[in-house]
Amino acid sequence: MANKEIILDVSELEAPLPLLKGIEAIKNLKSGETLVFIHRMFPCKLHEQIDKLGLRSDTVKDEENYFEIKIYR
């Protein structure tokens, strides 16, 4: 069974909403779920929370300079 992906596009939101929504979403991730976090900037503060919670993540920057971070529980 494939992991359930949850898409969270915060690219149009103003600070601090992207960080707040991202932290809430990763705290609510269940085992086997993947959060796909999309933002127009690199979310360094979110990565601190990912590390603090012991989660894994992969970050990809696309050709339009948007970041897609896949966060795994």
N, C-alpha and C. Protein backbone atom coordinates (compact mmCIF):
# COMPACT_ATOMS: atom_id res chain seq x y z
N MET A 1 0.84 -1.18 0.00
CA MET A 1 0.00 0.00 0.00
C MET A 1 0.89 1.25 0.00
N ALA A 2 0.58 2.20 -0.88
CA ALA A 2 1.37 3.42 -0.99
C ALA A 2 1.05 4.36 0.17
N ASN A 3 2.05 5.17 0.49
CA ASN A 3 1.84 6.18 1.52
C ASN A 3 0.79 7.18 1.07
N LYS A 4 0.02 7.66 2.03
CA LYS A 4 -0.94 8.71 1.76
C LYS A 4 -0.19 10.04 1.70
N GLU A 5 -0.39 10.80 0.60
CA GLU A 5 0.23 12.11 0.49
C GLU A 5 -0.77 13.19 0.82
N ILE A 6 -0.32 14.13 1.63
CA ILE A 6 -1.13 15.29 2.01
C ILE A 6 -0.43 16.50 1.42
N ILE A 7 -1.12 17.24 0.55
CA ILE A 7 -0.54 18.40 -0.12
C ILE A 7 -0.87 19.65 0.70
N LEU A 8 0.16 20.44 1.00
CA LEU A 8 -0.02 21.71 1.70
C LEU A 8 0.73 22.78 0.91
N ASP A 9 0.00 23.56 0.12
CA ASP A 9 0.58 24.63 -0.70
C ASP A 9 0.39 25.94 0.05
N VAL A 10 1.48 26.47 0.58
CA VAL A 10 1.43 27.72 1.34
C VAL A 10 2.13 28.84 0.56
N SER A 11 2.34 28.64 -0.72
CA SER A 11 3.14 29.57 -1.53
C SER A 11 2.52 30.95 -1.67
N GLU A 12 1.23 31.09 -1.44
CA GLU A 12 0.58 32.39 -1.56
C GLU A 12 0.35 33.07 -0.21
N LEU A 13 0.71 32.41 0.88
CA LEU A 13 0.46 32.96 2.21
C LEU A 13 1.62 33.85 2.66
N GLU A 14 1.30 34.83 3.49
CA GLU A 14 2.32 35.71 4.06
C GLU A 14 2.79 35.16 5.41
N ALA A 15 4.02 35.48 5.74
CA ALA A 15 4.61 35.05 7.01
C ALA A 15 3.78 35.62 8.17
N PRO A 16 3.64 34.86 9.22
CA PRO A 16 4.24 33.57 9.57
C PRO A 16 3.35 32.38 9.25
N LEU A 17 2.27 32.60 8.47
CA LEU A 17 1.31 31.51 8.22
C LEU A 17 1.92 30.26 7.61
N PRO A 18 2.83 30.34 6.62
CA PRO A 18 3.40 29.10 6.08
C PRO A 18 4.06 28.24 7.15
N LEU A 19 4.85 28.87 8.01
CA LEU A 19 5.53 28.11 9.07
C LEU A 19 4.52 27.53 10.05
N LEU A 20 3.55 28.32 10.47
CA LEU A 20 2.56 27.83 11.44
C LEU A 20 1.75 26.67 10.88
N LYS A 21 1.32 26.78 9.62
CA LYS A 21 0.55 25.71 9.00
C LYS A 21 1.40 24.46 8.79
N GLY A 22 2.67 24.68 8.44
CA GLY A 22 3.58 23.55 8.25
C GLY A 22 3.84 22.80 9.54
N ILE A 23 4.09 23.52 10.63
CA ILE A 23 4.33 22.88 11.93
C ILE A 23 3.11 22.10 12.37
N GLU A 24 1.93 22.70 12.22
CA GLU A 24 0.69 22.01 12.60
C GLU A 24 0.53 20.73 11.78
N ALA A 25 0.81 20.82 10.48
CA ALA A 25 0.64 19.65 9.60
C ALA A 25 1.61 18.53 9.94
N ILE A 26 2.89 18.85 10.23
CA ILE A 26 3.83 17.77 10.53
C ILE A 26 3.54 17.14 11.89
N LYS A 27 3.03 17.93 12.81
CA LYS A 27 2.68 17.35 14.11
C LYS A 27 1.50 16.41 14.01
N ASN A 28 0.64 16.62 13.00
CA ASN A 28 -0.54 15.77 12.81
C ASN A 28 -0.30 14.60 11.87
N LEU A 29 0.91 14.49 11.30
CA LEU A 29 1.20 13.37 10.40
C LEU A 29 1.12 12.04 11.15
N LYS A 30 0.47 11.09 10.50
CA LYS A 30 0.37 9.75 11.06
C LYS A 30 1.40 8.84 10.38
N SER A 31 1.69 7.73 11.00
CA SER A 31 2.62 6.77 10.43
C SER A 31 2.20 6.39 9.02
N GLY A 32 3.15 6.41 8.09
CA GLY A 32 2.86 6.05 6.71
C GLY A 32 2.39 7.21 5.85
N GLU A 33 2.20 8.39 6.44
CA GLU A 33 1.76 9.55 5.67
C GLU A 33 2.96 10.41 5.26
N THR A 34 2.79 11.12 4.14
CA THR A 34 3.81 12.03 3.64
C THR A 34 3.16 13.39 3.44
N LEU A 35 3.76 14.42 3.99
CA LEU A 35 3.30 15.78 3.77
C LEU A 35 4.12 16.37 2.63
N VAL A 36 3.44 16.90 1.62
CA VAL A 36 4.11 17.60 0.52
C VAL A 36 3.87 19.09 0.75
N PHE A 37 4.91 19.77 1.21
CA PHE A 37 4.85 21.18 1.60
C PHE A 37 5.41 22.01 0.45
N ILE A 38 4.60 22.91 -0.10
CA ILE A 38 5.01 23.72 -1.25
C ILE A 38 5.08 25.18 -0.82
N HIS A 39 6.25 25.80 -1.09
CA HIS A 39 6.44 27.19 -0.66
C HIS A 39 7.35 27.91 -1.66
N ARG A 40 7.26 29.22 -1.67
CA ARG A 40 8.08 30.02 -2.60
C ARG A 40 9.47 30.33 -2.04
N MET A 41 9.71 29.97 -0.79
CA MET A 41 11.02 30.20 -0.16
C MET A 41 11.44 28.93 0.56
N PHE A 42 12.75 28.83 0.85
CA PHE A 42 13.23 27.68 1.61
C PHE A 42 12.83 27.86 3.07
N PRO A 43 12.08 26.92 3.62
CA PRO A 43 11.56 27.07 4.99
C PRO A 43 12.52 26.54 6.05
N CYS A 44 13.57 27.29 6.33
CA CYS A 44 14.60 26.80 7.26
C CYS A 44 14.03 26.54 8.66
N LYS A 45 13.11 27.35 9.12
CA LYS A 45 12.52 27.14 10.46
C LYS A 45 11.69 25.85 10.49
N LEU A 46 11.05 25.51 9.37
CA LEU A 46 10.29 24.26 9.31
C LEU A 46 11.25 23.07 9.39
N HIS A 47 12.40 23.19 8.74
CA HIS A 47 13.38 22.10 8.80
C HIS A 47 13.87 21.88 10.23
N GLU A 48 13.98 22.94 11.00
CA GLU A 48 14.35 22.78 12.41
C GLU A 48 13.32 21.92 13.14
N GLN A 49 12.04 22.15 12.85
CA GLN A 49 10.97 21.37 13.49
C GLN A 49 10.97 19.92 13.00
N ILE A 50 11.25 19.73 11.72
CA ILE A 50 11.33 18.37 11.16
C ILE A 50 12.41 17.58 11.90
N ASP A 51 13.57 18.20 12.07
CA ASP A 51 14.67 17.55 12.78
C ASP A 51 14.30 17.29 14.24
N LYS A 52 13.70 18.28 14.88
CA LYS A 52 13.32 18.16 16.29
C LYS A 52 12.35 16.99 16.52
N LEU A 53 11.45 16.76 15.55
CA LEU A 53 10.47 15.68 15.67
C LEU A 53 11.01 14.34 15.16
N GLY A 54 12.25 14.33 14.65
CA GLY A 54 12.86 13.09 14.18
C GLY A 54 12.25 12.56 12.89
N LEU A 55 11.75 13.46 12.04
CA LEU A 55 11.14 13.06 10.77
C LEU A 55 12.18 13.11 9.66
N ARG A 56 11.88 12.45 8.55
CA ARG A 56 12.73 12.49 7.36
C ARG A 56 12.11 13.44 6.35
N SER A 57 12.96 14.05 5.50
CA SER A 57 12.42 14.93 4.46
C SER A 57 13.36 14.95 3.26
N ASP A 58 12.78 15.28 2.11
CA ASP A 58 13.50 15.51 0.87
C ASP A 58 13.04 16.86 0.34
N THR A 59 13.98 17.67 -0.14
CA THR A 59 13.65 19.00 -0.65
C THR A 59 14.06 19.10 -2.11
N VAL A 60 13.14 19.61 -2.94
CA VAL A 60 13.40 19.83 -4.35
C VAL A 60 13.04 21.27 -4.68
N LYS A 61 13.94 21.94 -5.39
CA LYS A 61 13.68 23.31 -5.87
C LYS A 61 13.41 23.20 -7.36
N ASP A 62 12.24 23.71 -7.80
CA ASP A 62 11.91 23.58 -9.22
C ASP A 62 12.46 24.77 -10.02
N GLU A 63 12.23 24.74 -11.32
CA GLU A 63 12.78 25.77 -12.20
C GLU A 63 12.18 27.16 -11.98
N GLU A 64 11.06 27.23 -11.29
CA GLU A 64 10.45 28.52 -10.97
C GLU A 64 10.81 28.98 -9.56
N ASN A 65 11.80 28.32 -8.95
CA ASN A 65 12.28 28.65 -7.61
C ASN A 65 11.26 28.41 -6.51
N TYR A 66 10.37 27.46 -6.72
CA TYR A 66 9.47 27.02 -5.65
C TYR A 66 10.09 25.79 -5.02
N PHE A 67 9.85 25.63 -3.74
CA PHE A 67 10.38 24.49 -3.01
C PHE A 67 9.27 23.51 -2.70
N GLU A 68 9.57 22.23 -2.91
CA GLU A 68 8.65 21.16 -2.53
C GLU A 68 9.40 20.28 -1.54
N ILE A 69 8.87 20.22 -0.34
CA ILE A 69 9.48 19.42 0.71
C ILE A 69 8.56 18.26 1.03
N LYS A 70 9.07 17.06 0.85
CA LYS A 70 8.30 15.87 1.23
C LYS A 70 8.77 15.46 2.61
N ILE A 71 7.83 15.40 3.53
CA ILE A 71 8.14 15.09 4.93
C ILE A 71 7.46 13.77 5.27
N TYR A 72 8.24 12.83 5.76
CA TYR A 72 7.76 11.47 5.99
C TYR A 72 7.71 11.15 7.47
N ARG A 73 6.63 10.45 7.86
CA ARG A 73 6.57 9.91 9.23
C ARG A 73 6.61 8.41 9.09
